[in-house]
PDB file of N, CA and C in Angstrom:
ATOM      1  N   UNK A   1       0.859  -1.167   0.000  1.00  0.00           N
ATOM      2  CA  UNK A   1       0.000   0.000   0.000  1.00  0.00           C
ATOM      3  C   UNK A   1       0.907   1.231   0.000  1.00  0.00           C
ATOM      4  N   UNK A   2       0.627   2.136  -0.912  1.00  0.00           N
ATOM      5  CA  UNK A   2       1.447   3.340  -1.017  1.00  0.00           C
ATOM      6  C   UNK A   2       1.143   4.309   0.132  1.00  0.00           C
ATOM      7  N   UNK A   3       2.018   5.256   0.298  1.00  0.00           N
ATOM      8  CA  UNK A   3       1.810   6.271   1.331  1.00  0.00           C
ATOM      9  C   UNK A   3       0.534   7.062   1.043  1.00  0.00           C
ATOM     10  N   UNK A   4       0.277   7.332  -0.232  1.00  0.00           N
ATOM     11  CA  UNK A   4      -0.935   8.062  -0.603  1.00  0.00           C
ATOM     12  C   UNK A   4      -2.187   7.259  -0.273  1.00  0.00           C
ATOM     13  N   UNK A   5      -2.135   5.943  -0.509  1.00  0.00           N
ATOM     14  CA  UNK A   5      -3.278   5.082  -0.176  1.00  0.00           C
ATOM     15  C   UNK A   5      -3.525   5.065   1.327  1.00  0.00           C
ATOM     16  N   UNK A   6      -2.435   4.986   2.100  1.00  0.00           N
ATOM     17  CA  UNK A   6      -2.565   5.005   3.565  1.00  0.00           C
ATOM     18  C   UNK A   6      -3.187   6.326   4.015  1.00  0.00           C
ATOM     19  N   UNK A   7      -2.733   7.425   3.429  1.00  0.00           N
ATOM     20  CA  UNK A   7      -3.255   8.740   3.797  1.00  0.00           C
ATOM     21  C   UNK A   7      -4.742   8.841   3.474  1.00  0.00           C
ATOM     22  N   UNK A   8      -5.148   8.322   2.311  1.00  0.00           N
ATOM     23  CA  UNK A   8      -6.572   8.339   1.941  1.00  0.00           C
ATOM     24  C   UNK A   8      -7.408   7.500   2.905  1.00  0.00           C
ATOM     25  N   UNK A   9      -6.891   6.335   3.274  1.00  0.00           N
ATOM     26  CA  UNK A   9      -7.612   5.458   4.194  1.00  0.00           C
ATOM     27  C   UNK A   9      -7.753   6.112   5.570  1.00  0.00           C
ATOM     28  N   UNK A  10      -6.696   6.759   6.042  1.00  0.00           N
ATOM     29  CA  UNK A  10      -6.762   7.459   7.329  1.00  0.00           C
ATOM     30  C   UNK A  10      -7.764   8.600   7.257  1.00  0.00           C
ATOM     31  N   UNK A  11      -7.769   9.349   6.157  1.00  0.00           N
ATOM     32  CA  UNK A  11      -8.739  10.441   5.994  1.00  0.00           C
ATOM     33  C   UNK A  11     -10.175   9.901   5.987  1.00  0.00           C
ATOM     34  N   UNK A  12     -10.396   8.790   5.304  1.00  0.00           N
ATOM     35  CA  UNK A  12     -11.731   8.176   5.293  1.00  0.00           C
ATOM     36  C   UNK A  12     -12.118   7.725   6.692  1.00  0.00           C
ATOM     37  N   UNK A  13     -11.168   7.172   7.425  1.00  0.00           N
ATOM     38  CA  UNK A  13     -11.428   6.700   8.784  1.00  0.00           C
ATOM     39  C   UNK A  13     -11.870   7.850   9.680  1.00  0.00           C
ATOM     40  N   UNK A  14     -11.203   8.988   9.554  1.00  0.00           N
ATOM     41  CA  UNK A  14     -11.530  10.151  10.380  1.00  0.00           C
ATOM     42  C   UNK A  14     -12.944  10.634  10.110  1.00  0.00           C
ATOM     43  N   UNK A  15     -13.369  10.600   8.863  1.00  0.00           N
ATOM     44  CA  UNK A  15     -14.686  11.116   8.475  1.00  0.00           C
ATOM     45  C   UNK A  15     -15.810  10.086   8.632  1.00  0.00           C
ATOM     46  N   UNK A  16     -15.475   8.843   8.894  1.00  0.00           N
ATOM     47  CA  UNK A  16     -16.447   7.747   8.854  1.00  0.00           C
ATOM     48  C   UNK A  16     -17.279   7.642  10.132  1.00  0.00           C
ATOM     49  N   UNK A  17     -18.432   6.957   9.986  1.00  0.00           N
ATOM     50  CA  UNK A  17     -19.238   6.606  11.156  1.00  0.00           C
ATOM     51  C   UNK A  17     -18.643   5.338  11.779  1.00  0.00           C
ATOM     52  N   UNK A  18     -19.176   4.924  12.907  1.00  0.00           N
ATOM     53  CA  UNK A  18     -18.603   3.796  13.652  1.00  0.00           C
ATOM     54  C   UNK A  18     -18.565   2.499  12.840  1.00  0.00           C
ATOM     55  N   UNK A  19     -19.629   2.200  12.120  1.00  0.00           N
ATOM     56  CA  UNK A  19     -19.676   0.964  11.333  1.00  0.00           C
ATOM     57  C   UNK A  19     -18.609   0.980  10.240  1.00  0.00           C
ATOM     58  N   UNK A  20     -18.488   2.102   9.558  1.00  0.00           N
ATOM     59  CA  UNK A  20     -17.486   2.215   8.503  1.00  0.00           C
ATOM     60  C   UNK A  20     -16.085   2.162   9.099  1.00  0.00           C
ATOM     61  N   UNK A  21     -15.890   2.729  10.278  1.00  0.00           N
ATOM     62  CA  UNK A  21     -14.580   2.650  10.930  1.00  0.00           C
ATOM     63  C   UNK A  21     -14.210   1.200  11.209  1.00  0.00           C
ATOM     64  N   UNK A  22     -15.176   0.398  11.622  1.00  0.00           N
ATOM     65  CA  UNK A  22     -14.896  -1.029  11.866  1.00  0.00           C
ATOM     66  C   UNK A  22     -14.480  -1.725  10.570  1.00  0.00           C
ATOM     67  N   UNK A  23     -15.144  -1.395   9.467  1.00  0.00           N
ATOM     68  CA  UNK A  23     -14.792  -1.991   8.182  1.00  0.00           C
ATOM     69  C   UNK A  23     -13.394  -1.567   7.743  1.00  0.00           C
ATOM     70  N   UNK A  24     -13.062  -0.303   7.961  1.00  0.00           N
ATOM     71  CA  UNK A  24     -11.734   0.192   7.609  1.00  0.00           C
ATOM     72  C   UNK A  24     -10.672  -0.495   8.469  1.00  0.00           C
ATOM     73  N   UNK A  25     -10.963  -0.706   9.751  1.00  0.00           N
ATOM     74  CA  UNK A  25     -10.012  -1.419  10.612  1.00  0.00           C
ATOM     75  C   UNK A  25      -9.792  -2.850  10.119  1.00  0.00           C
ATOM     76  N   UNK A  26     -10.854  -3.500   9.646  1.00  0.00           N
ATOM     77  CA  UNK A  26     -10.711  -4.845   9.076  1.00  0.00           C
ATOM     78  C   UNK A  26      -9.806  -4.815   7.848  1.00  0.00           C
ATOM     79  N   UNK A  27     -10.009  -3.807   7.001  1.00  0.00           N
ATOM     80  CA  UNK A  27      -9.167  -3.655   5.811  1.00  0.00           C
ATOM     81  C   UNK A  27      -7.721  -3.392   6.218  1.00  0.00           C
ATOM     82  N   UNK A  28      -7.522  -2.560   7.219  1.00  0.00           N
ATOM     83  CA  UNK A  28      -6.174  -2.251   7.694  1.00  0.00           C
ATOM     84  C   UNK A  28      -5.485  -3.495   8.241  1.00  0.00           C
ATOM     85  N   UNK A  29      -6.226  -4.343   8.922  1.00  0.00           N
ATOM     86  CA  UNK A  29      -5.660  -5.585   9.446  1.00  0.00           C
ATOM     87  C   UNK A  29      -5.179  -6.474   8.299  1.00  0.00           C
ATOM     88  N   UNK A  30      -5.922  -6.493   7.217  1.00  0.00           N
ATOM     89  CA  UNK A  30      -5.506  -7.259   6.038  1.00  0.00           C
ATOM     90  C   UNK A  30      -4.235  -6.700   5.427  1.00  0.00           C
ATOM     91  N   UNK A  31      -4.155  -5.393   5.356  1.00  0.00           N
ATOM     92  CA  UNK A  31      -2.949  -4.748   4.830  1.00  0.00           C
ATOM     93  C   UNK A  31      -1.757  -5.085   5.720  1.00  0.00           C
ATOM     94  N   UNK A  32      -1.945  -5.009   7.027  1.00  0.00           N
ATOM     95  CA  UNK A  32      -0.859  -5.311   7.966  1.00  0.00           C
ATOM     96  C   UNK A  32      -0.399  -6.761   7.845  1.00  0.00           C
ATOM     97  N   UNK A  33      -1.312  -7.665   7.542  1.00  0.00           N
ATOM     98  CA  UNK A  33      -0.957  -9.076   7.404  1.00  0.00           C
ATOM     99  C   UNK A  33      -0.069  -9.304   6.176  1.00  0.00           C
ATOM    100  N   UNK A  34      -0.268  -8.503   5.138  1.00  0.00           N
ATOM    101  CA  UNK A  34       0.491  -8.662   3.895  1.00  0.00           C
ATOM    102  C   UNK A  34       1.822  -7.925   3.952  1.00  0.00           C
ATOM    103  N   UNK A  35       1.834  -6.778   4.615  1.00  0.00           N
ATOM    104  CA  UNK A  35       3.039  -5.946   4.665  1.00  0.00           C
ATOM    105  C   UNK A  35       3.479  -5.779   6.116  1.00  0.00           C
ATOM    106  N   UNK A  36       4.240  -6.736   6.639  1.00  0.00           N
ATOM    107  CA  UNK A  36       4.607  -6.698   8.059  1.00  0.00           C
ATOM    108  C   UNK A  36       5.674  -5.665   8.418  1.00  0.00           C
ATOM    109  N   UNK A  37       6.306  -5.046   7.443  1.00  0.00           N
ATOM    110  CA  UNK A  37       7.354  -4.074   7.728  1.00  0.00           C
ATOM    111  C   UNK A  37       6.756  -2.682   7.910  1.00  0.00           C
ATOM    112  N   UNK A  38       7.396  -1.880   8.720  1.00  0.00           N
ATOM    113  CA  UNK A  38       6.938  -0.509   8.923  1.00  0.00           C
ATOM    114  C   UNK A  38       5.852  -0.429   9.968  1.00  0.00           C
ATOM    115  N   UNK A  39       5.369   0.778  10.207  1.00  0.00           N
ATOM    116  CA  UNK A  39       4.323   0.946  11.227  1.00  0.00           C
ATOM    117  C   UNK A  39       3.035   0.250  10.797  1.00  0.00           C
ATOM    118  N   UNK A  40       2.378  -0.368  11.773  1.00  0.00           N
ATOM    119  CA  UNK A  40       1.121  -1.066  11.476  1.00  0.00           C
ATOM    120  C   UNK A  40       0.009  -0.047  11.286  1.00  0.00           C
ATOM    121  N   UNK A  41      -0.740  -0.203  10.231  1.00  0.00           N
ATOM    122  CA  UNK A  41      -1.841   0.701   9.929  1.00  0.00           C
ATOM    123  C   UNK A  41      -2.907   0.651  11.015  1.00  0.00           C
ATOM    124  N   UNK A  42      -3.179  -0.537  11.551  1.00  0.00           N
ATOM    125  CA  UNK A  42      -4.171  -0.678  12.617  1.00  0.00           C
ATOM    126  C   UNK A  42      -3.767   0.161  13.830  1.00  0.00           C
ATOM    127  N   UNK A  43      -2.472   0.129  14.163  1.00  0.00           N
ATOM    128  CA  UNK A  43      -1.991   0.920  15.295  1.00  0.00           C
ATOM    129  C   UNK A  43      -2.108   2.417  15.029  1.00  0.00           C
ATOM    130  N   UNK A  44      -1.825   2.824  13.786  1.00  0.00           N
ATOM    131  CA  UNK A  44      -1.959   4.235  13.432  1.00  0.00           C
ATOM    132  C   UNK A  44      -3.414   4.692  13.595  1.00  0.00           C
ATOM    133  N   UNK A  45      -4.348   3.882  13.104  1.00  0.00           N
ATOM    134  CA  UNK A  45      -5.762   4.248  13.194  1.00  0.00           C
ATOM    135  C   UNK A  45      -6.236   4.248  14.641  1.00  0.00           C
ATOM    136  N   UNK A  46      -5.798   3.263  15.408  1.00  0.00           N
ATOM    137  CA  UNK A  46      -6.218   3.172  16.806  1.00  0.00           C
ATOM    138  C   UNK A  46      -5.667   4.328  17.623  1.00  0.00           C
ATOM    139  N   UNK A  47      -4.535   4.875  17.199  1.00  0.00           N
ATOM    140  CA  UNK A  47      -3.914   5.962  17.929  1.00  0.00           C
ATOM    141  C   UNK A  47      -4.512   7.334  17.660  1.00  0.00           C
ATOM    142  N   UNK A  48      -5.394   7.426  16.668  1.00  0.00           N
ATOM    143  CA  UNK A  48      -6.015   8.713  16.359  1.00  0.00           C
ATOM    144  C   UNK A  48      -6.986   9.102  17.452  1.00  0.00           C
ATOM    145  N   UNK A  49      -6.974  10.350  17.823  1.00  0.00           N
ATOM    146  CA  UNK A  49      -7.953  10.856  18.782  1.00  0.00           C
ATOM    147  C   UNK A  49      -9.092  11.463  17.982  1.00  0.00           C
ATOM    148  N   UNK A  50     -10.189  10.736  17.939  1.00  0.00           N
ATOM    149  CA  UNK A  50     -11.309  11.135  17.083  1.00  0.00           C
ATOM    150  C   UNK A  50     -12.511  11.566  17.904  1.00  0.00           C
ATOM    151  N   UNK A  51     -13.256  12.522  17.373  1.00  0.00           N
ATOM    152  CA  UNK A  51     -14.535  12.838  18.013  1.00  0.00           C
ATOM    153  C   UNK A  51     -15.501  11.674  17.779  1.00  0.00           C
ATOM    154  N   UNK A  52     -16.507  11.598  18.572  1.00  0.00           N
ATOM    155  CA  UNK A  52     -17.516  10.540  18.388  1.00  0.00           C
ATOM    156  C   UNK A  52     -18.138  10.681  17.012  1.00  0.00           C
ATOM    157  N   UNK A  53     -18.321   9.566  16.351  1.00  0.00           N
ATOM    158  CA  UNK A  53     -18.925   9.593  15.018  1.00  0.00           C
ATOM    159  C   UNK A  53     -20.384  10.005  15.118  1.00  0.00           C
ATOM    160  N   UNK A  54     -20.839  10.658  14.079  1.00  0.00           N
ATOM    161  CA  UNK A  54     -22.235  11.137  14.058  1.00  0.00           C
ATOM    162  C   UNK A  54     -23.199  10.001  13.855  1.00  0.00           C
TER     163      UNK A  54
END
């Protein structure tokens, strides 16, 4: 996954509702399983301080 793809996914995660955030986390877990090097995307998403989804 490119840096631009990661940035887009993080931006979508920030704007998403709770259900969509869960789906994005599932997708991130799949990405992490394929690319074990570098920071884990799941950890990056979990570390975001987000307002409650609408």
